[in-house]
Amino acid sequence: SLLFHMTQTEVCPPSCNCKSLGEMKGLHIDCSSRKLTEVPALPVDTKRLYLQNNSLTSVPAGALDSLRSLEEVKIFDNPWSCDCHILYLKLWLEDVSPPSLPNTRCITPAPMRMKPLRELTGNELGICKRLLPIKHFDFFWRDLILIAGAIITLILVAWALKFSKKLVCQINL
């Protein structure tokens, strides 16, 4: 019945080797060289995490947030896809394991091949407009048209007032 109560994040992922680092010291989780294409559900008390030499291309946002006692991460030798979705991993590594940033390299897209995650700039990740709902752009154009309409209306009203003053002056004469 004890096993029944354990959540998925308290047990060793089936694709990995887990070793206890001693009472209350956490776990050493070795998932290296397992041809993994996604990060498995990991125990919360993971201290050392080895995910190197797999087939990981990205990490879903939030997937590693529960690993609060992590001290060591190895995540190199994976075919990372450095598109908009890599931002979570980059920021997470900057917070948790800055030393692993230089040897975590992009494989795709082609212009970023072999570029370390550390060197990715906001400019390169700035091509992420497709992640923004299209509605934002619709609002932009709608607002632009409304503003242009308001300006044209103001110009017409000002012109009409000027013209009407001339007309009033002529009638008075």
N, C-alpha and C. Protein backbone atom coordinates (compact mmCIF):
# COMPACT_ATOMS: atom_id res chain seq x y z
N SER A 1 0.83 -1.20 0.00
CA SER A 1 0.00 0.00 0.00
C SER A 1 0.87 1.26 0.00
N LEU A 2 2.10 1.17 0.51
CA LEU A 2 3.00 2.33 0.51
C LEU A 2 3.32 2.76 -0.92
N LEU A 3 3.63 1.79 -1.80
CA LEU A 3 3.93 2.10 -3.20
C LEU A 3 2.75 2.77 -3.86
N PHE A 4 1.56 2.36 -3.51
CA PHE A 4 0.35 2.91 -4.11
C PHE A 4 0.25 4.40 -3.84
N HIS A 5 0.72 4.84 -2.66
CA HIS A 5 0.60 6.25 -2.29
C HIS A 5 1.71 7.12 -2.87
N MET A 6 2.76 6.50 -3.39
CA MET A 6 3.86 7.28 -3.96
C MET A 6 3.42 7.92 -5.27
N THR A 7 3.78 9.16 -5.44
CA THR A 7 3.47 9.81 -6.71
C THR A 7 4.57 9.47 -7.69
N GLN A 8 4.30 9.77 -8.95
CA GLN A 8 5.27 9.46 -9.99
C GLN A 8 6.59 10.18 -9.74
N THR A 9 6.54 11.34 -9.10
CA THR A 9 7.76 12.12 -8.89
C THR A 9 8.53 11.69 -7.64
N GLU A 10 8.14 10.59 -7.04
CA GLU A 10 8.91 10.09 -5.88
C GLU A 10 9.60 8.77 -6.23
N VAL A 11 9.37 8.26 -7.43
CA VAL A 11 9.97 6.99 -7.81
C VAL A 11 10.97 7.22 -8.94
N CYS A 12 11.91 6.28 -9.06
CA CYS A 12 12.92 6.37 -10.09
C CYS A 12 12.28 6.16 -11.47
N PRO A 13 12.59 7.04 -12.44
CA PRO A 13 12.05 6.83 -13.79
C PRO A 13 12.54 5.48 -14.34
N PRO A 14 11.68 4.72 -15.00
CA PRO A 14 12.05 3.38 -15.47
C PRO A 14 13.26 3.38 -16.41
N SER A 15 13.48 4.49 -17.11
CA SER A 15 14.58 4.53 -18.09
C SER A 15 15.91 4.94 -17.47
N CYS A 16 15.95 5.13 -16.15
CA CYS A 16 17.16 5.67 -15.52
C CYS A 16 17.67 4.76 -14.40
N ASN A 17 18.93 5.00 -14.00
CA ASN A 17 19.49 4.36 -12.81
C ASN A 17 19.46 5.35 -11.67
N CYS A 18 18.95 4.95 -10.51
CA CYS A 18 18.88 5.86 -9.37
C CYS A 18 19.65 5.28 -8.19
N LYS A 19 20.42 6.16 -7.55
CA LYS A 19 21.15 5.76 -6.35
C LYS A 19 20.85 6.77 -5.26
N SER A 20 20.61 6.28 -4.05
CA SER A 20 20.40 7.17 -2.92
C SER A 20 21.75 7.70 -2.48
N LEU A 21 21.80 8.98 -2.13
CA LEU A 21 23.05 9.58 -1.65
C LEU A 21 23.08 9.54 -0.12
N GLY A 22 22.27 8.68 0.45
CA GLY A 22 22.23 8.55 1.90
C GLY A 22 20.97 9.18 2.47
N GLU A 23 20.67 8.85 3.70
CA GLU A 23 19.46 9.31 4.37
C GLU A 23 19.29 10.83 4.22
N MET A 24 18.18 11.25 3.68
CA MET A 24 17.81 12.68 3.54
C MET A 24 18.78 13.49 2.68
N LYS A 25 19.65 12.82 1.93
CA LYS A 25 20.62 13.58 1.13
C LYS A 25 20.19 13.68 -0.33
N GLY A 26 19.15 12.95 -0.72
CA GLY A 26 18.67 13.05 -2.09
C GLY A 26 19.14 11.92 -2.98
N LEU A 27 18.85 12.05 -4.27
CA LEU A 27 19.12 10.99 -5.23
C LEU A 27 20.07 11.42 -6.33
N HIS A 28 20.84 10.43 -6.78
CA HIS A 28 21.71 10.57 -7.95
C HIS A 28 20.95 9.85 -9.07
N ILE A 29 20.51 10.60 -10.09
CA ILE A 29 19.71 10.01 -11.16
C ILE A 29 20.47 10.05 -12.47
N ASP A 30 20.80 8.86 -12.97
CA ASP A 30 21.57 8.76 -14.21
C ASP A 30 20.67 8.27 -15.34
N CYS A 31 20.32 9.22 -16.22
CA CYS A 31 19.50 8.89 -17.39
C CYS A 31 20.33 9.09 -18.65
N SER A 32 21.66 9.04 -18.54
CA SER A 32 22.52 9.31 -19.69
C SER A 32 22.54 8.13 -20.66
N SER A 33 22.73 8.43 -21.93
CA SER A 33 22.87 7.42 -23.00
C SER A 33 21.72 6.42 -23.03
N ARG A 34 20.49 6.92 -22.92
CA ARG A 34 19.31 6.04 -22.93
C ARG A 34 18.41 6.28 -24.15
N LYS A 35 18.89 7.09 -25.12
CA LYS A 35 18.11 7.44 -26.31
C LYS A 35 16.78 8.14 -25.96
N LEU A 36 16.76 8.82 -24.81
CA LEU A 36 15.54 9.51 -24.39
C LEU A 36 15.21 10.66 -25.34
N THR A 37 13.93 10.81 -25.68
CA THR A 37 13.51 11.93 -26.51
C THR A 37 12.77 12.97 -25.68
N GLU A 38 12.42 12.61 -24.43
CA GLU A 38 11.86 13.62 -23.52
C GLU A 38 12.35 13.38 -22.10
N VAL A 39 12.35 14.44 -21.32
CA VAL A 39 12.79 14.36 -19.93
C VAL A 39 11.74 13.56 -19.14
N PRO A 40 12.16 12.49 -18.45
CA PRO A 40 11.18 11.69 -17.68
C PRO A 40 10.72 12.45 -16.43
N ALA A 41 9.64 11.99 -15.83
CA ALA A 41 9.19 12.56 -14.55
C ALA A 41 10.26 12.22 -13.52
N LEU A 42 10.73 13.22 -12.80
CA LEU A 42 11.87 13.03 -11.91
C LEU A 42 11.48 13.20 -10.45
N PRO A 43 12.12 12.42 -9.55
CA PRO A 43 11.84 12.58 -8.13
C PRO A 43 12.20 13.99 -7.64
N VAL A 44 11.40 14.51 -6.74
CA VAL A 44 11.59 15.87 -6.23
C VAL A 44 12.94 16.02 -5.53
N ASP A 45 13.42 14.95 -4.89
CA ASP A 45 14.68 15.05 -4.13
C ASP A 45 15.91 14.70 -4.97
N THR A 46 15.83 14.93 -6.29
CA THR A 46 16.97 14.70 -7.18
C THR A 46 18.07 15.72 -6.85
N LYS A 47 19.27 15.21 -6.53
CA LYS A 47 20.42 16.09 -6.24
C LYS A 47 21.33 16.18 -7.47
N ARG A 48 21.54 15.03 -8.13
CA ARG A 48 22.39 14.99 -9.32
C ARG A 48 21.59 14.38 -10.45
N LEU A 49 21.60 15.09 -11.59
CA LEU A 49 20.81 14.64 -12.73
C LEU A 49 21.69 14.57 -13.97
N TYR A 50 21.79 13.37 -14.53
CA TYR A 50 22.60 13.17 -15.73
C TYR A 50 21.70 12.80 -16.89
N LEU A 51 21.56 13.72 -17.83
CA LEU A 51 20.72 13.51 -19.02
C LEU A 51 21.53 13.60 -20.30
N GLN A 52 22.87 13.55 -20.16
CA GLN A 52 23.71 13.74 -21.35
C GLN A 52 23.62 12.55 -22.31
N ASN A 53 23.98 12.83 -23.57
CA ASN A 53 24.05 11.80 -24.62
C ASN A 53 22.71 11.09 -24.82
N ASN A 54 21.67 11.87 -25.04
CA ASN A 54 20.35 11.34 -25.36
C ASN A 54 19.87 11.97 -26.67
N SER A 55 18.58 11.92 -26.90
CA SER A 55 18.00 12.52 -28.12
C SER A 55 17.03 13.63 -27.76
N LEU A 56 17.36 14.35 -26.68
CA LEU A 56 16.48 15.44 -26.23
C LEU A 56 16.62 16.65 -27.15
N THR A 57 15.49 17.21 -27.60
CA THR A 57 15.54 18.40 -28.44
C THR A 57 15.02 19.62 -27.70
N SER A 58 14.16 19.40 -26.68
CA SER A 58 13.68 20.53 -25.87
C SER A 58 13.16 20.01 -24.54
N VAL A 59 12.88 20.93 -23.64
CA VAL A 59 12.32 20.61 -22.33
C VAL A 59 11.06 21.45 -22.17
N PRO A 60 9.93 20.82 -21.88
CA PRO A 60 8.70 21.62 -21.72
C PRO A 60 8.85 22.63 -20.59
N ALA A 61 8.31 23.82 -20.79
CA ALA A 61 8.38 24.86 -19.77
C ALA A 61 7.82 24.34 -18.46
N GLY A 62 8.57 24.54 -17.38
CA GLY A 62 8.12 24.13 -16.05
C GLY A 62 8.49 22.72 -15.67
N ALA A 63 9.00 21.92 -16.62
CA ALA A 63 9.26 20.49 -16.37
C ALA A 63 10.29 20.24 -15.27
N LEU A 64 11.19 21.19 -15.04
CA LEU A 64 12.27 20.97 -14.06
C LEU A 64 12.11 21.84 -12.82
N ASP A 65 11.01 22.58 -12.74
CA ASP A 65 10.83 23.53 -11.64
C ASP A 65 10.73 22.88 -10.26
N SER A 66 10.27 21.61 -10.21
CA SER A 66 10.08 20.97 -8.89
C SER A 66 11.39 20.46 -8.29
N LEU A 67 12.48 20.49 -9.07
CA LEU A 67 13.77 19.96 -8.59
C LEU A 67 14.51 21.02 -7.80
N ARG A 68 14.04 21.28 -6.59
CA ARG A 68 14.57 22.39 -5.79
C ARG A 68 15.91 22.08 -5.13
N SER A 69 16.24 20.78 -4.95
CA SER A 69 17.49 20.46 -4.23
C SER A 69 18.60 20.03 -5.18
N LEU A 70 18.43 20.33 -6.47
CA LEU A 70 19.41 19.95 -7.48
C LEU A 70 20.75 20.66 -7.26
N GLU A 71 21.83 19.90 -7.36
CA GLU A 71 23.17 20.48 -7.20
C GLU A 71 24.03 20.30 -8.43
N GLU A 72 23.72 19.28 -9.24
CA GLU A 72 24.55 19.03 -10.42
C GLU A 72 23.66 18.56 -11.57
N VAL A 73 23.91 19.13 -12.76
CA VAL A 73 23.15 18.76 -13.96
C VAL A 73 24.12 18.55 -15.10
N LYS A 74 23.96 17.44 -15.81
CA LYS A 74 24.72 17.24 -17.05
C LYS A 74 23.69 17.01 -18.14
N ILE A 75 23.73 17.87 -19.14
CA ILE A 75 22.65 17.86 -20.13
C ILE A 75 23.21 18.00 -21.55
N PHE A 76 24.56 17.91 -21.67
CA PHE A 76 25.22 18.09 -22.97
C PHE A 76 25.01 16.87 -23.88
N ASP A 77 25.50 16.97 -25.11
CA ASP A 77 25.38 15.90 -26.12
C ASP A 77 23.94 15.47 -26.35
N ASN A 78 23.09 16.46 -26.54
CA ASN A 78 21.71 16.23 -26.96
C ASN A 78 21.48 17.12 -28.18
N PRO A 79 20.64 16.70 -29.12
CA PRO A 79 20.41 17.52 -30.32
C PRO A 79 19.41 18.65 -30.06
N TRP A 80 19.79 19.62 -29.23
CA TRP A 80 18.87 20.68 -28.83
C TRP A 80 18.39 21.50 -30.03
N SER A 81 17.11 21.73 -30.06
CA SER A 81 16.51 22.57 -31.09
C SER A 81 16.34 23.97 -30.51
N CYS A 82 17.15 24.90 -30.99
CA CYS A 82 17.17 26.24 -30.39
C CYS A 82 16.15 27.17 -31.07
N ASP A 83 14.88 26.81 -30.90
CA ASP A 83 13.80 27.67 -31.36
C ASP A 83 13.20 28.32 -30.11
N CYS A 84 12.03 28.87 -30.24
CA CYS A 84 11.40 29.61 -29.14
C CYS A 84 11.26 28.77 -27.87
N HIS A 85 11.10 27.45 -28.04
CA HIS A 85 10.84 26.60 -26.87
C HIS A 85 12.08 26.33 -26.03
N ILE A 86 13.27 26.74 -26.51
CA ILE A 86 14.50 26.47 -25.75
C ILE A 86 14.71 27.51 -24.65
N LEU A 87 13.95 28.59 -24.70
CA LEU A 87 14.12 29.68 -23.75
C LEU A 87 13.99 29.21 -22.30
N TYR A 88 13.03 28.32 -22.02
CA TYR A 88 12.86 27.81 -20.65
C TYR A 88 14.14 27.14 -20.17
N LEU A 89 14.69 26.23 -21.00
CA LEU A 89 15.90 25.50 -20.60
C LEU A 89 17.07 26.45 -20.37
N LYS A 90 17.23 27.42 -21.28
CA LYS A 90 18.33 28.40 -21.15
C LYS A 90 18.22 29.15 -19.83
N LEU A 91 17.04 29.68 -19.53
CA LEU A 91 16.85 30.45 -18.29
C LEU A 91 16.99 29.57 -17.06
N TRP A 92 16.49 28.33 -17.15
CA TRP A 92 16.58 27.39 -16.02
C TRP A 92 18.04 27.06 -15.73
N LEU A 93 18.81 26.79 -16.79
CA LEU A 93 20.24 26.48 -16.59
C LEU A 93 20.99 27.69 -16.04
N GLU A 94 20.64 28.90 -16.50
CA GLU A 94 21.29 30.10 -15.97
C GLU A 94 21.09 30.20 -14.47
N ASP A 95 19.91 29.81 -14.00
CA ASP A 95 19.60 29.86 -12.56
C ASP A 95 20.24 28.71 -11.79
N VAL A 96 20.13 27.49 -12.34
CA VAL A 96 20.45 26.28 -11.58
C VAL A 96 21.86 25.76 -11.83
N SER A 97 22.33 25.87 -13.07
CA SER A 97 23.61 25.25 -13.41
C SER A 97 24.35 26.02 -14.51
N PRO A 98 24.78 27.27 -14.20
CA PRO A 98 25.49 28.06 -15.22
C PRO A 98 26.68 27.34 -15.88
N PRO A 99 27.44 26.48 -15.14
CA PRO A 99 28.57 25.81 -15.78
C PRO A 99 28.16 24.90 -16.95
N SER A 100 26.91 24.44 -16.98
CA SER A 100 26.54 23.54 -18.08
C SER A 100 26.10 24.29 -19.33
N LEU A 101 26.01 25.62 -19.27
CA LEU A 101 25.58 26.38 -20.45
C LEU A 101 26.57 26.33 -21.63
N PRO A 102 27.89 26.45 -21.40
CA PRO A 102 28.81 26.45 -22.55
C PRO A 102 28.79 25.14 -23.34
N ASN A 103 28.62 24.00 -22.67
CA ASN A 103 28.68 22.73 -23.42
C ASN A 103 27.29 22.19 -23.79
N THR A 104 26.26 22.99 -23.60
CA THR A 104 24.92 22.63 -24.08
C THR A 104 24.73 23.37 -25.39
N ARG A 105 24.76 22.62 -26.50
CA ARG A 105 24.81 23.26 -27.82
C ARG A 105 23.59 22.96 -28.68
N CYS A 106 23.26 23.96 -29.52
CA CYS A 106 22.16 23.82 -30.47
C CYS A 106 22.58 22.91 -31.63
N ILE A 107 21.63 22.15 -32.15
CA ILE A 107 21.88 21.38 -33.37
C ILE A 107 21.03 21.96 -34.50
N THR A 108 19.79 22.33 -34.17
CA THR A 108 18.93 22.99 -35.16
C THR A 108 18.43 24.29 -34.54
N PRO A 109 17.96 25.25 -35.33
CA PRO A 109 18.02 25.35 -36.79
C PRO A 109 19.45 25.56 -37.30
N ALA A 110 19.63 25.34 -38.59
CA ALA A 110 20.97 25.35 -39.20
C ALA A 110 21.85 26.55 -38.83
N PRO A 111 21.32 27.80 -38.85
CA PRO A 111 22.22 28.94 -38.54
C PRO A 111 22.80 28.89 -37.12
N MET A 112 22.18 28.13 -36.24
CA MET A 112 22.66 28.09 -34.85
C MET A 112 23.38 26.79 -34.51
N ARG A 113 23.64 25.97 -35.52
CA ARG A 113 24.27 24.68 -35.29
C ARG A 113 25.58 24.84 -34.50
N MET A 114 25.72 24.05 -33.43
CA MET A 114 26.88 24.02 -32.54
C MET A 114 27.06 25.27 -31.69
N LYS A 115 26.10 26.16 -31.71
CA LYS A 115 26.19 27.36 -30.88
C LYS A 115 25.81 27.00 -29.43
N PRO A 116 26.63 27.40 -28.45
CA PRO A 116 26.27 27.12 -27.05
C PRO A 116 25.02 27.90 -26.64
N LEU A 117 24.22 27.27 -25.81
CA LEU A 117 22.98 27.88 -25.32
C LEU A 117 23.27 29.24 -24.68
N ARG A 118 24.42 29.33 -24.02
CA ARG A 118 24.80 30.56 -23.32
C ARG A 118 24.85 31.75 -24.27
N GLU A 119 25.21 31.50 -25.54
CA GLU A 119 25.41 32.59 -26.48
C GLU A 119 24.15 32.97 -27.25
N LEU A 120 23.05 32.28 -27.01
CA LEU A 120 21.80 32.65 -27.69
C LEU A 120 21.34 34.01 -27.20
N THR A 121 21.03 34.89 -28.14
CA THR A 121 20.61 36.23 -27.76
C THR A 121 19.10 36.37 -27.92
N GLY A 122 18.57 37.40 -27.32
CA GLY A 122 17.15 37.70 -27.47
C GLY A 122 16.80 37.90 -28.92
N ASN A 123 17.77 38.41 -29.68
CA ASN A 123 17.56 38.64 -31.11
C ASN A 123 17.26 37.34 -31.85
N GLU A 124 18.04 36.30 -31.53
CA GLU A 124 17.85 35.02 -32.21
C GLU A 124 16.55 34.36 -31.77
N LEU A 125 16.20 34.57 -30.52
CA LEU A 125 14.95 33.98 -30.02
C LEU A 125 13.79 34.93 -30.28
N GLY A 126 14.09 36.11 -30.84
CA GLY A 126 13.06 37.10 -31.11
C GLY A 126 12.18 36.75 -32.30
N ILE A 127 12.52 35.64 -32.99
CA ILE A 127 11.70 35.23 -34.12
C ILE A 127 10.55 34.38 -33.62
N CYS A 128 10.13 34.63 -32.39
CA CYS A 128 9.13 33.78 -31.76
C CYS A 128 7.73 34.36 -31.89
N LYS A 129 7.51 35.18 -32.89
CA LYS A 129 6.21 35.81 -33.06
C LYS A 129 5.11 34.79 -33.25
N ARG A 130 5.46 33.62 -33.81
CA ARG A 130 4.42 32.62 -34.05
C ARG A 130 3.83 32.09 -32.74
N LEU A 131 4.55 32.31 -31.64
CA LEU A 131 4.03 31.89 -30.34
C LEU A 131 2.99 32.88 -29.81
N LEU A 132 3.05 34.11 -30.33
CA LEU A 132 2.06 35.11 -29.91
C LEU A 132 0.77 34.80 -30.64
N PRO A 133 -0.35 34.86 -29.95
CA PRO A 133 -1.61 34.65 -30.67
C PRO A 133 -1.74 35.70 -31.77
N ILE A 134 -2.25 35.28 -32.91
CA ILE A 134 -2.39 36.16 -34.07
C ILE A 134 -3.23 37.39 -33.70
N LYS A 135 -4.13 37.23 -32.74
CA LYS A 135 -5.00 38.33 -32.34
C LYS A 135 -4.22 39.59 -31.99
N HIS A 136 -3.03 39.43 -31.40
CA HIS A 136 -2.24 40.62 -31.05
C HIS A 136 -1.97 41.47 -32.28
N PHE A 137 -1.69 40.82 -33.39
CA PHE A 137 -1.40 41.55 -34.61
C PHE A 137 -2.68 42.15 -35.19
N ASP A 138 -3.79 41.42 -35.06
CA ASP A 138 -5.08 41.97 -35.50
C ASP A 138 -5.38 43.25 -34.72
N PHE A 139 -5.18 43.19 -33.40
CA PHE A 139 -5.42 44.38 -32.57
C PHE A 139 -4.54 45.53 -33.02
N PHE A 140 -3.30 45.23 -33.32
CA PHE A 140 -2.35 46.25 -33.76
C PHE A 140 -2.89 46.97 -34.99
N TRP A 141 -3.29 46.20 -36.02
CA TRP A 141 -3.78 46.82 -37.25
C TRP A 141 -5.09 47.55 -37.01
N ARG A 142 -5.98 46.95 -36.20
CA ARG A 142 -7.25 47.59 -35.90
C ARG A 142 -7.01 48.93 -35.22
N ASP A 143 -6.09 48.93 -34.23
CA ASP A 143 -5.78 50.17 -33.51
C ASP A 143 -5.16 51.21 -34.44
N LEU A 144 -4.27 50.75 -35.33
CA LEU A 144 -3.64 51.66 -36.27
C LEU A 144 -4.69 52.33 -37.17
N ILE A 145 -5.63 51.54 -37.66
CA ILE A 145 -6.69 52.07 -38.53
C ILE A 145 -7.58 53.04 -37.75
N LEU A 146 -7.92 52.69 -36.50
CA LEU A 146 -8.74 53.59 -35.68
C LEU A 146 -8.02 54.92 -35.44
N ILE A 147 -6.73 54.86 -35.14
CA ILE A 147 -5.95 56.08 -34.89
C ILE A 147 -5.90 56.93 -36.16
N ALA A 148 -5.61 56.28 -37.31
CA ALA A 148 -5.56 57.01 -38.58
C ALA A 148 -6.92 57.64 -38.87
N GLY A 149 -7.99 56.90 -38.62
CA GLY A 149 -9.35 57.43 -38.83
C GLY A 149 -9.62 58.64 -37.95
N ALA A 150 -9.20 58.58 -36.70
CA ALA A 150 -9.41 59.69 -35.76
C ALA A 150 -8.63 60.93 -36.23
N ILE A 151 -7.40 60.73 -36.69
CA ILE A 151 -6.57 61.86 -37.15
C ILE A 151 -7.21 62.51 -38.38
N ILE A 152 -7.66 61.68 -39.33
CA ILE A 152 -8.30 62.21 -40.55
C ILE A 152 -9.57 62.99 -40.18
N THR A 153 -10.35 62.43 -39.25
CA THR A 153 -11.59 63.11 -38.81
C THR A 153 -11.26 64.47 -38.20
N LEU A 154 -10.25 64.53 -37.32
CA LEU A 154 -9.85 65.79 -36.70
C LEU A 154 -9.41 66.82 -37.75
N ILE A 155 -8.65 66.35 -38.74
CA ILE A 155 -8.20 67.26 -39.81
C ILE A 155 -9.41 67.81 -40.58
N LEU A 156 -10.36 66.92 -40.89
CA LEU A 156 -11.56 67.35 -41.62
C LEU A 156 -12.39 68.35 -40.81
N VAL A 157 -12.53 68.07 -39.50
CA VAL A 157 -13.30 68.97 -38.62
C VAL A 157 -12.61 70.33 -38.56
N ALA A 158 -11.29 70.34 -38.38
CA ALA A 158 -10.54 71.60 -38.32
C ALA A 158 -10.69 72.37 -39.63
N TRP A 159 -10.60 71.66 -40.74
CA TRP A 159 -10.74 72.28 -42.06
C TRP A 159 -12.16 72.84 -42.24
N ALA A 160 -13.15 72.07 -41.79
CA ALA A 160 -14.55 72.50 -41.91
C ALA A 160 -14.80 73.75 -41.06
N LEU A 161 -14.24 73.78 -39.85
CA LEU A 161 -14.40 74.95 -38.98
C LEU A 161 -13.76 76.19 -39.62
N LYS A 162 -12.58 76.01 -40.15
CA LYS A 162 -11.88 77.12 -40.80
C LYS A 162 -12.70 77.64 -41.99
N PHE A 163 -13.20 76.68 -42.77
CA PHE A 163 -14.00 77.03 -43.94
C PHE A 163 -15.30 77.73 -43.53
N SER A 164 -15.92 77.24 -42.46
CA SER A 164 -17.20 77.83 -42.00
C SER A 164 -16.99 79.25 -41.47
N LYS A 165 -15.85 79.52 -40.84
CA LYS A 165 -15.55 80.88 -40.37
C LYS A 165 -15.45 81.84 -41.55
N LYS A 166 -14.76 81.39 -42.62
CA LYS A 166 -14.66 82.21 -43.83
C LYS A 166 -16.05 82.50 -44.39
N LEU A 167 -16.89 81.46 -44.41
CA LEU A 167 -18.26 81.58 -44.93
C LEU A 167 -19.06 82.56 -44.11
N VAL A 168 -18.92 82.46 -42.76
CA VAL A 168 -19.64 83.37 -41.85
C VAL A 168 -19.19 84.80 -42.08
N CYS A 169 -17.86 85.01 -42.24
CA CYS A 169 -17.31 86.34 -42.50
C CYS A 169 -17.86 86.93 -43.79
N GLN A 170 -17.91 86.10 -44.84
CA GLN A 170 -18.41 86.56 -46.14
C GLN A 170 -19.89 86.96 -46.04
N ILE A 171 -20.67 86.16 -45.31
CA ILE A 171 -22.12 86.45 -45.17
C ILE A 171 -22.31 87.77 -44.43
N ASN A 172 -21.49 87.98 -43.38
CA ASN A 172 -21.60 89.21 -42.60
C ASN A 172 -21.26 90.44 -43.43
N LEU A 173 -20.31 90.30 -44.36
CA LEU A 173 -19.93 91.41 -45.21
C LEU A 173 -21.05 91.69 -46.20
